[in-house]
């Protein structure tokens, strides 16, 4: 995984890794990008940082969730190993 050194790079990486995002999310993506540009330009006001975080988390919540009924493969392997 490439490490981002700017907010803009982090936003770009998030968008590239988020195939579930759609045109419906465009207003929030524009907001996130604009806030990233402000933060990269040296505007670390608490309100700007907070709004960036809220917008990011709002977009992150749109990600599809894993099937809650599906068993975690690691959990199954650990349980099997403990039973031996």
N, C-alpha and C. Protein backbone atom coordinates (compact mmCIF):
# COMPACT_ATOMS: atom_id res chain seq x y z
N UNK A 1 0.84 -1.17 0.00
CA UNK A 1 0.00 0.00 0.00
C UNK A 1 0.89 1.24 0.00
N UNK A 2 0.58 2.14 -0.89
CA UNK A 2 1.32 3.40 -0.96
C UNK A 2 0.88 4.31 0.18
N UNK A 3 1.83 5.00 0.76
CA UNK A 3 1.53 5.93 1.84
C UNK A 3 1.26 7.31 1.26
N UNK A 4 0.16 7.91 1.68
CA UNK A 4 -0.19 9.26 1.23
C UNK A 4 0.55 10.28 2.09
N UNK A 5 1.03 11.33 1.45
CA UNK A 5 1.73 12.38 2.18
C UNK A 5 0.91 13.67 2.25
N UNK A 6 -0.23 13.69 1.55
CA UNK A 6 -1.11 14.85 1.59
C UNK A 6 -2.55 14.37 1.74
N UNK A 7 -3.41 15.27 2.17
CA UNK A 7 -4.82 14.93 2.26
C UNK A 7 -5.37 14.59 0.88
N UNK A 8 -4.95 15.34 -0.13
CA UNK A 8 -5.43 15.10 -1.50
C UNK A 8 -5.05 13.70 -1.96
N UNK A 9 -3.82 13.27 -1.68
CA UNK A 9 -3.39 11.92 -2.05
C UNK A 9 -4.22 10.88 -1.31
N UNK A 10 -4.52 11.15 -0.06
CA UNK A 10 -5.33 10.22 0.72
C UNK A 10 -6.74 10.11 0.16
N UNK A 11 -7.32 11.22 -0.23
CA UNK A 11 -8.65 11.22 -0.83
C UNK A 11 -8.64 10.46 -2.15
N UNK A 12 -7.64 10.71 -2.97
CA UNK A 12 -7.52 10.01 -4.25
C UNK A 12 -7.40 8.50 -4.03
N UNK A 13 -6.58 8.10 -3.08
CA UNK A 13 -6.43 6.67 -2.77
C UNK A 13 -7.75 6.08 -2.27
N UNK A 14 -8.48 6.82 -1.44
CA UNK A 14 -9.77 6.35 -0.95
C UNK A 14 -10.75 6.15 -2.10
N UNK A 15 -10.81 7.11 -3.01
CA UNK A 15 -11.74 7.01 -4.14
C UNK A 15 -11.37 5.82 -5.02
N UNK A 16 -10.08 5.65 -5.29
CA UNK A 16 -9.64 4.53 -6.13
C UNK A 16 -9.94 3.18 -5.49
N UNK A 17 -9.93 3.12 -4.17
CA UNK A 17 -10.17 1.87 -3.45
C UNK A 17 -11.64 1.66 -3.09
N UNK A 18 -12.52 2.51 -3.60
CA UNK A 18 -13.94 2.47 -3.20
C UNK A 18 -14.85 2.32 -4.42
N UNK A 19 -14.90 1.13 -5.00
CA UNK A 19 -15.70 0.94 -6.21
C UNK A 19 -17.20 1.10 -5.99
N UNK A 20 -17.65 1.10 -4.74
CA UNK A 20 -19.06 1.24 -4.46
C UNK A 20 -19.54 2.68 -4.61
N UNK A 21 -18.63 3.65 -4.66
CA UNK A 21 -19.04 5.05 -4.79
C UNK A 21 -19.70 5.26 -6.14
N UNK A 22 -20.73 6.09 -6.16
CA UNK A 22 -21.49 6.33 -7.38
C UNK A 22 -21.70 7.82 -7.58
N UNK A 23 -22.32 8.20 -8.70
CA UNK A 23 -22.59 9.63 -8.92
C UNK A 23 -23.41 10.27 -7.80
N UNK A 24 -24.18 9.49 -7.08
CA UNK A 24 -24.96 10.01 -5.95
C UNK A 24 -24.03 10.57 -4.88
N UNK A 25 -22.82 10.03 -4.80
CA UNK A 25 -21.85 10.47 -3.79
C UNK A 25 -21.02 11.67 -4.23
N UNK A 26 -21.23 12.14 -5.44
CA UNK A 26 -20.39 13.21 -5.98
C UNK A 26 -20.36 14.48 -5.12
N UNK A 27 -21.48 14.97 -4.59
CA UNK A 27 -21.39 16.17 -3.75
C UNK A 27 -20.46 15.97 -2.54
N UNK A 28 -20.55 14.82 -1.90
CA UNK A 28 -19.67 14.56 -0.75
C UNK A 28 -18.22 14.41 -1.19
N UNK A 29 -18.00 13.80 -2.37
CA UNK A 29 -16.63 13.64 -2.87
C UNK A 29 -16.01 14.99 -3.21
N UNK A 30 -16.80 15.88 -3.78
CA UNK A 30 -16.30 17.23 -4.09
C UNK A 30 -15.99 17.96 -2.79
N UNK A 31 -16.87 17.82 -1.81
CA UNK A 31 -16.63 18.44 -0.50
C UNK A 31 -15.36 17.90 0.12
N UNK A 32 -15.20 16.58 0.11
CA UNK A 32 -14.00 15.96 0.69
C UNK A 32 -12.73 16.45 -0.01
N UNK A 33 -12.78 16.52 -1.32
CA UNK A 33 -11.62 16.99 -2.09
C UNK A 33 -11.31 18.45 -1.79
N UNK A 34 -12.34 19.27 -1.70
CA UNK A 34 -12.14 20.70 -1.40
C UNK A 34 -11.56 20.89 0.00
N UNK A 35 -12.06 20.12 0.95
CA UNK A 35 -11.52 20.20 2.31
C UNK A 35 -10.07 19.71 2.34
N UNK A 36 -9.77 18.68 1.57
CA UNK A 36 -8.39 18.17 1.50
C UNK A 36 -7.46 19.27 0.97
N UNK A 37 -7.91 19.99 -0.05
CA UNK A 37 -7.10 21.07 -0.61
C UNK A 37 -6.85 22.17 0.42
N UNK A 38 -7.90 22.50 1.20
CA UNK A 38 -7.73 23.51 2.25
C UNK A 38 -6.72 23.05 3.30
N UNK A 39 -6.84 21.80 3.70
CA UNK A 39 -5.92 21.27 4.71
C UNK A 39 -4.49 21.21 4.18
N UNK A 40 -4.34 20.81 2.92
CA UNK A 40 -3.00 20.76 2.33
C UNK A 40 -2.39 22.14 2.17
N UNK A 41 -3.25 23.16 2.03
CA UNK A 41 -2.77 24.53 1.88
C UNK A 41 -2.40 25.17 3.21
N UNK A 42 -2.56 24.41 4.29
CA UNK A 42 -2.16 24.94 5.59
C UNK A 42 -3.30 25.55 6.36
N UNK A 43 -4.51 25.01 6.22
CA UNK A 43 -5.67 25.51 6.95
C UNK A 43 -6.13 24.46 7.95
N UNK A 44 -5.33 24.21 8.99
CA UNK A 44 -5.68 23.15 9.95
C UNK A 44 -6.66 23.59 11.03
N UNK A 45 -7.61 24.44 10.67
CA UNK A 45 -8.60 24.88 11.66
C UNK A 45 -9.38 23.66 12.14
N UNK A 46 -9.68 23.61 13.42
CA UNK A 46 -10.42 22.46 13.95
C UNK A 46 -11.72 22.18 13.19
N UNK A 47 -12.42 23.21 12.79
CA UNK A 47 -13.68 23.01 12.06
C UNK A 47 -13.44 22.34 10.71
N UNK A 48 -12.36 22.70 10.04
CA UNK A 48 -12.04 22.10 8.74
C UNK A 48 -11.66 20.63 8.91
N UNK A 49 -10.85 20.34 9.91
CA UNK A 49 -10.45 18.96 10.18
C UNK A 49 -11.68 18.13 10.56
N UNK A 50 -12.54 18.70 11.39
CA UNK A 50 -13.75 17.98 11.82
C UNK A 50 -14.67 17.70 10.64
N UNK A 51 -14.86 18.68 9.78
CA UNK A 51 -15.74 18.49 8.62
C UNK A 51 -15.16 17.46 7.66
N UNK A 52 -13.84 17.47 7.50
CA UNK A 52 -13.18 16.45 6.66
C UNK A 52 -13.48 15.07 7.23
N UNK A 53 -13.31 14.91 8.53
CA UNK A 53 -13.56 13.62 9.17
C UNK A 53 -15.02 13.18 9.03
N UNK A 54 -15.95 14.09 9.22
CA UNK A 54 -17.36 13.76 9.09
C UNK A 54 -17.71 13.34 7.67
N UNK A 55 -17.18 14.07 6.70
CA UNK A 55 -17.46 13.75 5.30
C UNK A 55 -16.86 12.41 4.92
N UNK A 56 -15.64 12.17 5.35
CA UNK A 56 -14.98 10.89 5.08
C UNK A 56 -15.78 9.73 5.68
N UNK A 57 -16.14 9.86 6.94
CA UNK A 57 -16.88 8.77 7.60
C UNK A 57 -18.25 8.56 6.97
N UNK A 58 -18.87 9.63 6.52
CA UNK A 58 -20.16 9.51 5.84
C UNK A 58 -20.02 8.68 4.57
N UNK A 59 -18.97 8.93 3.81
CA UNK A 59 -18.73 8.15 2.59
C UNK A 59 -18.35 6.72 2.92
N UNK A 60 -17.56 6.54 3.95
CA UNK A 60 -17.12 5.20 4.34
C UNK A 60 -18.32 4.34 4.75
N UNK A 61 -19.33 4.94 5.34
CA UNK A 61 -20.51 4.20 5.76
C UNK A 61 -21.32 3.67 4.59
N UNK A 62 -21.09 4.18 3.39
CA UNK A 62 -21.82 3.69 2.22
C UNK A 62 -21.20 2.40 1.67
N UNK A 63 -20.07 1.98 2.21
CA UNK A 63 -19.41 0.76 1.74
C UNK A 63 -20.29 -0.44 2.05
N UNK A 64 -20.33 -1.39 1.12
CA UNK A 64 -21.11 -2.59 1.41
C UNK A 64 -20.50 -3.34 2.59
N UNK A 65 -21.34 -3.87 3.43
CA UNK A 65 -20.89 -4.59 4.61
C UNK A 65 -20.83 -6.08 4.30
N UNK A 66 -19.91 -6.74 4.93
CA UNK A 66 -19.81 -8.19 4.78
C UNK A 66 -21.07 -8.82 5.35
N UNK A 67 -21.44 -9.96 4.82
CA UNK A 67 -22.61 -10.69 5.29
C UNK A 67 -22.44 -11.02 6.77
N UNK A 68 -23.34 -10.49 7.58
CA UNK A 68 -23.23 -10.70 9.02
C UNK A 68 -23.36 -12.17 9.40
N UNK A 69 -24.02 -12.95 8.55
CA UNK A 69 -24.20 -14.35 8.84
C UNK A 69 -23.02 -15.20 8.40
N UNK A 70 -22.14 -14.63 7.60
CA UNK A 70 -20.98 -15.38 7.11
C UNK A 70 -19.95 -15.54 8.22
N UNK A 71 -19.33 -16.70 8.25
CA UNK A 71 -18.32 -16.95 9.27
C UNK A 71 -16.98 -16.39 8.83
N UNK A 72 -16.31 -15.73 9.75
CA UNK A 72 -14.99 -15.18 9.51
C UNK A 72 -14.01 -16.36 9.35
N UNK A 73 -13.28 -16.42 8.21
CA UNK A 73 -12.37 -17.54 7.99
C UNK A 73 -11.29 -17.67 9.07
N UNK A 74 -10.78 -16.56 9.55
CA UNK A 74 -9.76 -16.61 10.61
C UNK A 74 -10.36 -17.17 11.90
N UNK A 75 -11.55 -16.71 12.23
CA UNK A 75 -12.22 -17.21 13.43
C UNK A 75 -12.45 -18.72 13.33
N UNK A 76 -12.86 -19.19 12.17
CA UNK A 76 -13.09 -20.62 11.98
C UNK A 76 -11.80 -21.41 12.12
N UNK A 77 -10.72 -20.90 11.56
CA UNK A 77 -9.42 -21.60 11.63
C UNK A 77 -8.93 -21.64 13.08
N UNK A 78 -9.09 -20.56 13.81
CA UNK A 78 -8.66 -20.54 15.20
C UNK A 78 -9.50 -21.50 16.05
N UNK A 79 -10.81 -21.56 15.79
CA UNK A 79 -11.66 -22.46 16.53
C UNK A 79 -11.29 -23.91 16.23
N UNK A 80 -11.04 -24.23 14.95
CA UNK A 80 -10.65 -25.58 14.55
C UNK A 80 -9.32 -25.97 15.21
N UNK A 81 -8.39 -25.04 15.26
CA UNK A 81 -7.07 -25.33 15.86
C UNK A 81 -7.22 -25.57 17.37
N UNK A 82 -8.12 -24.83 18.01
CA UNK A 82 -8.31 -24.98 19.45
C UNK A 82 -8.99 -26.30 19.80
N UNK A 83 -9.79 -26.80 18.86
CA UNK A 83 -10.52 -28.05 19.10
C UNK A 83 -9.63 -29.28 18.94
N UNK A 84 -8.49 -29.13 18.34
CA UNK A 84 -7.60 -30.29 18.10
C UNK A 84 -6.82 -30.67 19.29
